[in-house]
Amino acid sequence: MTPQMVVSIGREALTVTVMVAAPMLLFGLIIGLTISIFQAITQINEMTLTFVPKILAVALALLIFMPWMINMLTDFCRHMYALIPGMAG
């Protein structure tokens, strides 16, 4: 196994991780910004107001994007298993 192969596998793993996490993070970010703007307009400074909508948004993103996320992770695992025979030497 060459250093270039290790770097390539690491880069691919990080890319897949970011892509799988991105929809949930973006949904949470959008809801968080929306609630922050609402709080700034109404001057309501309740810290717990953001938690429930963010949790619901992340759960919704998880439900919507779950098939795509599973497909991405399955493809990555298949690719890693396909690399195993080449790593022996």
PDB file of N, CA and C in Angstrom:
ATOM      1  N   MET A   1       0.854  -1.168   0.000  1.00  0.00           N
ATOM      2  CA  MET A   1       0.000   0.000   0.000  1.00  0.00           C
ATOM      3  C   MET A   1       0.901   1.232   0.000  1.00  0.00           C
ATOM      4  N   THR A   2       0.719   2.059  -0.991  1.00  0.00           N
ATOM      5  CA  THR A   2       1.566   3.241  -1.144  1.00  0.00           C
ATOM      6  C   THR A   2       0.987   4.429  -0.365  1.00  0.00           C
ATOM      7  N   PRO A   3       1.816   5.395  -0.071  1.00  0.00           N
ATOM      8  CA  PRO A   3       1.309   6.602   0.605  1.00  0.00           C
ATOM      9  C   PRO A   3       0.238   7.331  -0.216  1.00  0.00           C
ATOM     10  N   GLN A   4       0.384   7.300  -1.532  1.00  0.00           N
ATOM     11  CA  GLN A   4      -0.613   7.938  -2.387  1.00  0.00           C
ATOM     12  C   GLN A   4      -1.975   7.250  -2.254  1.00  0.00           C
ATOM     13  N   MET A   5      -1.962   5.932  -2.107  1.00  0.00           N
ATOM     14  CA  MET A   5      -3.204   5.182  -1.949  1.00  0.00           C
ATOM     15  C   MET A   5      -3.873   5.529  -0.615  1.00  0.00           C
ATOM     16  N   VAL A   6      -3.071   5.655   0.427  1.00  0.00           N
ATOM     17  CA  VAL A   6      -3.610   6.008   1.747  1.00  0.00           C
ATOM     18  C   VAL A   6      -4.230   7.399   1.711  1.00  0.00           C
ATOM     19  N   VAL A   7      -3.544   8.338   1.083  1.00  0.00           N
ATOM     20  CA  VAL A   7      -4.060   9.707   0.968  1.00  0.00           C
ATOM     21  C   VAL A   7      -5.346   9.708   0.144  1.00  0.00           C
ATOM     22  N   SER A   8      -5.370   8.942  -0.933  1.00  0.00           N
ATOM     23  CA  SER A   8      -6.559   8.867  -1.775  1.00  0.00           C
ATOM     24  C   SER A   8      -7.755   8.289  -1.018  1.00  0.00           C
ATOM     25  N   ILE A   9      -7.514   7.226  -0.269  1.00  0.00           N
ATOM     26  CA  ILE A   9      -8.592   6.612   0.523  1.00  0.00           C
ATOM     27  C   ILE A   9      -9.071   7.584   1.596  1.00  0.00           C
ATOM     28  N   GLY A  10      -8.153   8.258   2.253  1.00  0.00           N
ATOM     29  CA  GLY A  10      -8.530   9.242   3.272  1.00  0.00           C
ATOM     30  C   GLY A  10      -9.328  10.391   2.694  1.00  0.00           C
ATOM     31  N   ARG A  11      -8.901  10.886   1.539  1.00  0.00           N
ATOM     32  CA  ARG A  11      -9.612  11.984   0.880  1.00  0.00           C
ATOM     33  C   ARG A  11     -11.019  11.548   0.496  1.00  0.00           C
ATOM     34  N   GLU A  12     -11.134  10.346  -0.060  1.00  0.00           N
ATOM     35  CA  GLU A  12     -12.447   9.842  -0.452  1.00  0.00           C
ATOM     36  C   GLU A  12     -13.347   9.643   0.768  1.00  0.00           C
ATOM     37  N   ALA A  13     -12.789   9.149   1.863  1.00  0.00           N
ATOM     38  CA  ALA A  13     -13.574   8.952   3.084  1.00  0.00           C
ATOM     39  C   ALA A  13     -14.082  10.288   3.625  1.00  0.00           C
ATOM     40  N   LEU A  14     -13.225  11.302   3.638  1.00  0.00           N
ATOM     41  CA  LEU A  14     -13.652  12.618   4.111  1.00  0.00           C
ATOM     42  C   LEU A  14     -14.705  13.235   3.194  1.00  0.00           C
ATOM     43  N   THR A  15     -14.545  13.057   1.890  1.00  0.00           N
ATOM     44  CA  THR A  15     -15.513  13.583   0.936  1.00  0.00           C
ATOM     45  C   THR A  15     -16.879  12.940   1.140  1.00  0.00           C
ATOM     46  N   VAL A  16     -16.892  11.625   1.291  1.00  0.00           N
ATOM     47  CA  VAL A  16     -18.162  10.925   1.508  1.00  0.00           C
ATOM     48  C   VAL A  16     -18.786  11.362   2.832  1.00  0.00           C
ATOM     49  N   THR A  17     -17.976  11.526   3.857  1.00  0.00           N
ATOM     50  CA  THR A  17     -18.491  11.960   5.159  1.00  0.00           C
ATOM     51  C   THR A  17     -19.138  13.334   5.068  1.00  0.00           C
ATOM     52  N   VAL A  18     -18.475  14.265   4.408  1.00  0.00           N
ATOM     53  CA  VAL A  18     -19.024  15.616   4.266  1.00  0.00           C
ATOM     54  C   VAL A  18     -20.303  15.593   3.435  1.00  0.00           C
ATOM     55  N   MET A  19     -20.306  14.824   2.365  1.00  0.00           N
ATOM     56  CA  MET A  19     -21.497  14.771   1.507  1.00  0.00           C
ATOM     57  C   MET A  19     -22.684  14.140   2.227  1.00  0.00           C
ATOM     58  N   VAL A  20     -22.436  13.131   3.048  1.00  0.00           N
ATOM     59  CA  VAL A  20     -23.520  12.475   3.768  1.00  0.00           C
ATOM     60  C   VAL A  20     -24.064  13.383   4.879  1.00  0.00           C
ATOM     61  N   ALA A  21     -23.192  14.142   5.514  1.00  0.00           N
ATOM     62  CA  ALA A  21     -23.619  15.004   6.617  1.00  0.00           C
ATOM     63  C   ALA A  21     -24.208  16.329   6.143  1.00  0.00           C
ATOM     64  N   ALA A  22     -23.879  16.759   4.945  1.00  0.00           N
ATOM     65  CA  ALA A  22     -24.266  18.086   4.461  1.00  0.00           C
ATOM     66  C   ALA A  22     -25.773  18.361   4.482  1.00  0.00           C
ATOM     67  N   PRO A  23     -26.629  17.467   4.008  1.00  0.00           N
ATOM     68  CA  PRO A  23     -28.067  17.810   4.019  1.00  0.00           C
ATOM     69  C   PRO A  23     -28.604  18.102   5.418  1.00  0.00           C
ATOM     70  N   MET A  24     -28.227  17.308   6.391  1.00  0.00           N
ATOM     71  CA  MET A  24     -28.716  17.528   7.756  1.00  0.00           C
ATOM     72  C   MET A  24     -28.149  18.833   8.329  1.00  0.00           C
ATOM     73  N   LEU A  25     -26.873  19.088   8.069  1.00  0.00           N
ATOM     74  CA  LEU A  25     -26.264  20.318   8.567  1.00  0.00           C
ATOM     75  C   LEU A  25     -26.884  21.550   7.919  1.00  0.00           C
ATOM     76  N   LEU A  26     -27.154  21.474   6.625  1.00  0.00           N
ATOM     77  CA  LEU A  26     -27.765  22.606   5.929  1.00  0.00           C
ATOM     78  C   LEU A  26     -29.186  22.869   6.418  1.00  0.00           C
ATOM     79  N   PHE A  27     -29.977  21.821   6.617  1.00  0.00           N
ATOM     80  CA  PHE A  27     -31.330  22.004   7.145  1.00  0.00           C
ATOM     81  C   PHE A  27     -31.273  22.651   8.524  1.00  0.00           C
ATOM     82  N   GLY A  28     -30.384  22.174   9.382  1.00  0.00           N
ATOM     83  CA  GLY A  28     -30.229  22.759  10.710  1.00  0.00           C
ATOM     84  C   GLY A  28     -29.772  24.207  10.646  1.00  0.00           C
ATOM     85  N   LEU A  29     -28.855  24.511   9.727  1.00  0.00           N
ATOM     86  CA  LEU A  29     -28.362  25.876   9.567  1.00  0.00           C
ATOM     87  C   LEU A  29     -29.471  26.816   9.107  1.00  0.00           C
ATOM     88  N   ILE A  30     -30.243  26.398   8.136  1.00  0.00           N
ATOM     89  CA  ILE A  30     -31.320  27.241   7.613  1.00  0.00           C
ATOM     90  C   ILE A  30     -32.362  27.516   8.693  1.00  0.00           C
ATOM     91  N   ILE A  31     -32.757  26.488   9.411  1.00  0.00           N
ATOM     92  CA  ILE A  31     -33.732  26.682  10.490  1.00  0.00           C
ATOM     93  C   ILE A  31     -33.144  27.564  11.584  1.00  0.00           C
ATOM     94  N   GLY A  32     -31.892  27.344  11.943  1.00  0.00           N
ATOM     95  CA  GLY A  32     -31.243  28.157  12.966  1.00  0.00           C
ATOM     96  C   GLY A  32     -31.179  29.628  12.589  1.00  0.00           C
ATOM     97  N   LEU A  33     -30.817  29.915  11.327  1.00  0.00           N
ATOM     98  CA  LEU A  33     -30.771  31.304  10.874  1.00  0.00           C
ATOM     99  C   LEU A  33     -32.162  31.930  10.853  1.00  0.00           C
ATOM    100  N   THR A  34     -33.156  31.169  10.419  1.00  0.00           N
ATOM    101  CA  THR A  34     -34.530  31.670  10.387  1.00  0.00           C
ATOM    102  C   THR A  34     -35.008  32.017  11.794  1.00  0.00           C
ATOM    103  N   ILE A  35     -34.761  31.150  12.734  1.00  0.00           N
ATOM    104  CA  ILE A  35     -35.191  31.404  14.112  1.00  0.00           C
ATOM    105  C   ILE A  35     -34.399  32.559  14.717  1.00  0.00           C
ATOM    106  N   SER A  36     -33.123  32.667  14.389  1.00  0.00           N
ATOM    107  CA  SER A  36     -32.313  33.784  14.892  1.00  0.00           C
ATOM    108  C   SER A  36     -32.843  35.120  14.375  1.00  0.00           C
ATOM    109  N   ILE A  37     -33.215  35.162  13.105  1.00  0.00           N
ATOM    110  CA  ILE A  37     -33.793  36.385  12.540  1.00  0.00           C
ATOM    111  C   ILE A  37     -35.115  36.699  13.221  1.00  0.00           C
ATOM    112  N   PHE A  38     -35.951  35.682  13.436  1.00  0.00           N
ATOM    113  CA  PHE A  38     -37.225  35.865  14.132  1.00  0.00           C
ATOM    114  C   PHE A  38     -36.995  36.392  15.555  1.00  0.00           C
ATOM    115  N   GLN A  39     -36.013  35.845  16.251  1.00  0.00           N
ATOM    116  CA  GLN A  39     -35.719  36.298  17.608  1.00  0.00           C
ATOM    117  C   GLN A  39     -35.193  37.737  17.618  1.00  0.00           C
ATOM    118  N   ALA A  40     -34.403  38.083  16.613  1.00  0.00           N
ATOM    119  CA  ALA A  40     -33.880  39.452  16.548  1.00  0.00           C
ATOM    120  C   ALA A  40     -34.994  40.450  16.262  1.00  0.00           C
ATOM    121  N   ILE A  41     -35.938  40.058  15.411  1.00  0.00           N
ATOM    122  CA  ILE A  41     -37.041  40.953  15.070  1.00  0.00           C
ATOM    123  C   ILE A  41     -37.969  41.147  16.265  1.00  0.00           C
ATOM    124  N   THR A  42     -38.308  40.053  16.930  1.00  0.00           N
ATOM    125  CA  THR A  42     -39.269  40.122  18.038  1.00  0.00           C
ATOM    126  C   THR A  42     -38.609  40.369  19.386  1.00  0.00           C
ATOM    127  N   GLN A  43     -37.305  40.366  19.447  1.00  0.00           N
ATOM    128  CA  GLN A  43     -36.527  40.554  20.674  1.00  0.00           C
ATOM    129  C   GLN A  43     -36.857  39.500  21.732  1.00  0.00           C
ATOM    130  N   ILE A  44     -37.177  38.302  21.272  1.00  0.00           N
ATOM    131  CA  ILE A  44     -37.359  37.162  22.175  1.00  0.00           C
ATOM    132  C   ILE A  44     -36.003  36.478  22.288  1.00  0.00           C
ATOM    133  N   ASN A  45     -35.445  36.418  23.477  1.00  0.00           N
ATOM    134  CA  ASN A  45     -34.123  35.825  23.665  1.00  0.00           C
ATOM    135  C   ASN A  45     -34.225  34.523  24.447  1.00  0.00           C
ATOM    136  N   GLU A  46     -35.007  33.630  23.965  1.00  0.00           N
ATOM    137  CA  GLU A  46     -35.179  32.332  24.614  1.00  0.00           C
ATOM    138  C   GLU A  46     -34.202  31.345  23.977  1.00  0.00           C
ATOM    139  N   MET A  47     -33.301  30.810  24.771  1.00  0.00           N
ATOM    140  CA  MET A  47     -32.262  29.906  24.255  1.00  0.00           C
ATOM    141  C   MET A  47     -32.838  28.574  23.790  1.00  0.00           C
ATOM    142  N   THR A  48     -33.881  28.101  24.441  1.00  0.00           N
ATOM    143  CA  THR A  48     -34.415  26.775  24.114  1.00  0.00           C
ATOM    144  C   THR A  48     -35.332  26.792  22.903  1.00  0.00           C
ATOM    145  N   LEU A  49     -35.665  27.969  22.376  1.00  0.00           N
ATOM    146  CA  LEU A  49     -36.583  28.074  21.246  1.00  0.00           C
ATOM    147  C   LEU A  49     -36.022  27.417  19.987  1.00  0.00           C
ATOM    148  N   THR A  50     -34.712  27.354  19.839  1.00  0.00           N
ATOM    149  CA  THR A  50     -34.120  26.838  18.608  1.00  0.00           C
ATOM    150  C   THR A  50     -33.977  25.318  18.587  1.00  0.00           C
ATOM    151  N   PHE A  51     -33.970  24.676  19.742  1.00  0.00           N
ATOM    152  CA  PHE A  51     -33.643  23.254  19.776  1.00  0.00           C
ATOM    153  C   PHE A  51     -34.666  22.368  19.077  1.00  0.00           C
ATOM    154  N   VAL A  52     -35.939  22.511  19.410  1.00  0.00           N
ATOM    155  CA  VAL A  52     -36.964  21.625  18.845  1.00  0.00           C
ATOM    156  C   VAL A  52     -37.085  21.791  17.328  1.00  0.00           C
ATOM    157  N   PRO A  53     -37.165  23.010  16.784  1.00  0.00           N
ATOM    158  CA  PRO A  53     -37.229  23.126  15.321  1.00  0.00           C
ATOM    159  C   PRO A  53     -35.990  22.566  14.614  1.00  0.00           C
ATOM    160  N   LYS A  54     -34.810  22.747  15.211  1.00  0.00           N
ATOM    161  CA  LYS A  54     -33.597  22.201  14.594  1.00  0.00           C
ATOM    162  C   LYS A  54     -33.623  20.677  14.595  1.00  0.00           C
ATOM    163  N   ILE A  55     -34.055  20.097  15.699  1.00  0.00           N
ATOM    164  CA  ILE A  55     -34.139  18.631  15.773  1.00  0.00           C
ATOM    165  C   ILE A  55     -35.129  18.114  14.741  1.00  0.00           C
ATOM    166  N   LEU A  56     -36.272  18.777  14.614  1.00  0.00           N
ATOM    167  CA  LEU A  56     -37.264  18.362  13.625  1.00  0.00           C
ATOM    168  C   LEU A  56     -36.740  18.524  12.196  1.00  0.00           C
ATOM    169  N   ALA A  57     -36.010  19.603  11.943  1.00  0.00           N
ATOM    170  CA  ALA A  57     -35.450  19.830  10.609  1.00  0.00           C
ATOM    171  C   ALA A  57     -34.410  18.776  10.260  1.00  0.00           C
ATOM    172  N   VAL A  58     -33.561  18.439  11.216  1.00  0.00           N
ATOM    173  CA  VAL A  58     -32.541  17.414  10.970  1.00  0.00           C
ATOM    174  C   VAL A  58     -33.204  16.050  10.762  1.00  0.00           C
ATOM    175  N   ALA A  59     -34.242  15.753  11.531  1.00  0.00           N
ATOM    176  CA  ALA A  59     -34.961  14.482  11.352  1.00  0.00           C
ATOM    177  C   ALA A  59     -35.640  14.438   9.990  1.00  0.00           C
ATOM    178  N   LEU A  60     -36.212  15.556   9.561  1.00  0.00           N
ATOM    179  CA  LEU A  60     -36.840  15.618   8.240  1.00  0.00           C
ATOM    180  C   LEU A  60     -35.800  15.421   7.137  1.00  0.00           C
ATOM    181  N   ALA A  61     -34.650  16.073   7.273  1.00  0.00           N
ATOM    182  CA  ALA A  61     -33.572  15.896   6.286  1.00  0.00           C
ATOM    183  C   ALA A  61     -33.107  14.451   6.256  1.00  0.00           C
ATOM    184  N   LEU A  62     -33.036  13.835   7.426  1.00  0.00           N
ATOM    185  CA  LEU A  62     -32.625  12.430   7.494  1.00  0.00           C
ATOM    186  C   LEU A  62     -33.630  11.538   6.769  1.00  0.00           C
ATOM    187  N   LEU A  63     -34.912  11.796   6.960  1.00  0.00           N
ATOM    188  CA  LEU A  63     -35.938  11.000   6.273  1.00  0.00           C
ATOM    189  C   LEU A  63     -35.902  11.212   4.760  1.00  0.00           C
ATOM    190  N   ILE A  64     -35.718  12.447   4.347  1.00  0.00           N
ATOM    191  CA  ILE A  64     -35.722  12.754   2.912  1.00  0.00           C
ATOM    192  C   ILE A  64     -34.493  12.176   2.218  1.00  0.00           C
ATOM    193  N   PHE A  65     -33.322  12.350   2.820  1.00  0.00           N
ATOM    194  CA  PHE A  65     -32.068  11.992   2.165  1.00  0.00           C
ATOM    195  C   PHE A  65     -31.525  10.618   2.542  1.00  0.00           C
ATOM    196  N   MET A  66     -32.227   9.865   3.372  1.00  0.00           N
ATOM    197  CA  MET A  66     -31.720   8.569   3.822  1.00  0.00           C
ATOM    198  C   MET A  66     -31.402   7.605   2.668  1.00  0.00           C
ATOM    199  N   PRO A  67     -32.282   7.440   1.671  1.00  0.00           N
ATOM    200  CA  PRO A  67     -31.914   6.519   0.574  1.00  0.00           C
ATOM    201  C   PRO A  67     -30.630   6.942  -0.155  1.00  0.00           C
ATOM    202  N   TRP A  68     -30.483   8.222  -0.392  1.00  0.00           N
ATOM    203  CA  TRP A  68     -29.284   8.715  -1.063  1.00  0.00           C
ATOM    204  C   TRP A  68     -28.049   8.507  -0.187  1.00  0.00           C
ATOM    205  N   MET A  69     -28.178   8.755   1.114  1.00  0.00           N
ATOM    206  CA  MET A  69     -27.058   8.584   2.031  1.00  0.00           C
ATOM    207  C   MET A  69     -26.631   7.119   2.107  1.00  0.00           C
ATOM    208  N   ILE A  70     -27.600   6.219   2.185  1.00  0.00           N
ATOM    209  CA  ILE A  70     -27.280   4.789   2.225  1.00  0.00           C
ATOM    210  C   ILE A  70     -26.592   4.371   0.929  1.00  0.00           C
ATOM    211  N   ASN A  71     -27.065   4.896  -0.185  1.00  0.00           N
ATOM    212  CA  ASN A  71     -26.451   4.575  -1.477  1.00  0.00           C
ATOM    213  C   ASN A  71     -24.998   5.068  -1.523  1.00  0.00           C
ATOM    214  N   MET A  72     -24.752   6.284  -1.034  1.00  0.00           N
ATOM    215  CA  MET A  72     -23.378   6.819  -1.010  1.00  0.00           C
ATOM    216  C   MET A  72     -22.468   5.950  -0.143  1.00  0.00           C
ATOM    217  N   LEU A  73     -22.931   5.599   1.044  1.00  0.00           N
ATOM    218  CA  LEU A  73     -22.111   4.794   1.952  1.00  0.00           C
ATOM    219  C   LEU A  73     -21.905   3.379   1.424  1.00  0.00           C
ATOM    220  N   THR A  74     -22.919   2.802   0.800  1.00  0.00           N
ATOM    221  CA  THR A  74     -22.790   1.465   0.218  1.00  0.00           C
ATOM    222  C   THR A  74     -21.782   1.469  -0.928  1.00  0.00           C
ATOM    223  N   ASP A  75     -21.853   2.485  -1.782  1.00  0.00           N
ATOM    224  CA  ASP A  75     -20.890   2.588  -2.885  1.00  0.00           C
ATOM    225  C   ASP A  75     -19.456   2.738  -2.357  1.00  0.00           C
ATOM    226  N   PHE A  76     -19.294   3.537  -1.305  1.00  0.00           N
ATOM    227  CA  PHE A  76     -17.969   3.712  -0.722  1.00  0.00           C
ATOM    228  C   PHE A  76     -17.447   2.391  -0.155  1.00  0.00           C
ATOM    229  N   CYS A  77     -18.302   1.662   0.550  1.00  0.00           N
ATOM    230  CA  CYS A  77     -17.880   0.365   1.120  1.00  0.00           C
ATOM    231  C   CYS A  77     -17.532  -0.629   0.022  1.00  0.00           C
ATOM    232  N   ARG A  78     -18.317  -0.656  -1.035  1.00  0.00           N
ATOM    233  CA  ARG A  78     -18.011  -1.559  -2.154  1.00  0.00           C
ATOM    234  C   ARG A  78     -16.672  -1.204  -2.781  1.00  0.00           C
ATOM    235  N   HIS A  79     -16.432   0.089  -2.918  1.00  0.00           N
ATOM    236  CA  HIS A  79     -15.151   0.530  -3.479  1.00  0.00           C
ATOM    237  C   HIS A  79     -13.992   0.114  -2.574  1.00  0.00           C
ATOM    238  N   MET A  80     -14.161   0.255  -1.268  1.00  0.00           N
ATOM    239  CA  MET A  80     -13.116  -0.142  -0.327  1.00  0.00           C
ATOM    240  C   MET A  80     -12.873  -1.653  -0.376  1.00  0.00           C
ATOM    241  N   TYR A  81     -13.947  -2.446  -0.453  1.00  0.00           N
ATOM    242  CA  TYR A  81     -13.782  -3.899  -0.549  1.00  0.00           C
ATOM    243  C   TYR A  81     -13.104  -4.300  -1.868  1.00  0.00           C
ATOM    244  N   ALA A  82     -13.372  -3.540  -2.931  1.00  0.00           N
ATOM    245  CA  ALA A  82     -12.733  -3.839  -4.207  1.00  0.00           C
ATOM    246  C   ALA A  82     -11.232  -3.538  -4.159  1.00  0.00           C
ATOM    247  N   LEU A  83     -10.813  -2.634  -3.290  1.00  0.00           N
ATOM    248  CA  LEU A  83      -9.395  -2.279  -3.170  1.00  0.00           C
ATOM    249  C   LEU A  83      -8.590  -3.277  -2.355  1.00  0.00           C
ATOM    250  N   ILE A  84      -9.238  -4.127  -1.574  1.00  0.00           N
ATOM    251  CA  ILE A  84      -8.531  -5.033  -0.687  1.00  0.00           C
ATOM    252  C   ILE A  84      -7.527  -5.938  -1.404  1.00  0.00           C
ATOM    253  N   PRO A  85      -7.888  -6.573  -2.529  1.00  0.00           N
ATOM    254  CA  PRO A  85      -6.887  -7.454  -3.183  1.00  0.00           C
ATOM    255  C   PRO A  85      -5.629  -6.705  -3.624  1.00  0.00           C
ATOM    256  N   GLY A  86      -5.736  -5.435  -3.991  1.00  0.00           N
ATOM    257  CA  GLY A  86      -4.573  -4.661  -4.426  1.00  0.00           C
ATOM    258  C   GLY A  86      -3.696  -4.197  -3.284  1.00  0.00           C
ATOM    259  N   MET A  87      -4.171  -4.293  -2.057  1.00  0.00           N
ATOM    260  CA  MET A  87      -3.400  -3.814  -0.905  1.00  0.00           C
ATOM    261  C   MET A  87      -2.418  -4.861  -0.383  1.00  0.00           C
ATOM    262  N   ALA A  88      -2.523  -6.086  -0.833  1.00  0.00           N
ATOM    263  CA  ALA A  88      -1.716  -7.164  -0.282  1.00  0.00           C
ATOM    264  C   ALA A  88      -0.218  -7.012  -0.593  1.00  0.00           C
ATOM    265  N   GLY A  89       0.095  -6.436  -1.702  1.00  0.00           N
ATOM    266  CA  GLY A  89       1.493  -6.414  -2.086  1.00  0.00           C
ATOM    267  C   GLY A  89       2.115  -5.141  -1.843  1.00  0.00           C
TER     268      GLY A  89
END
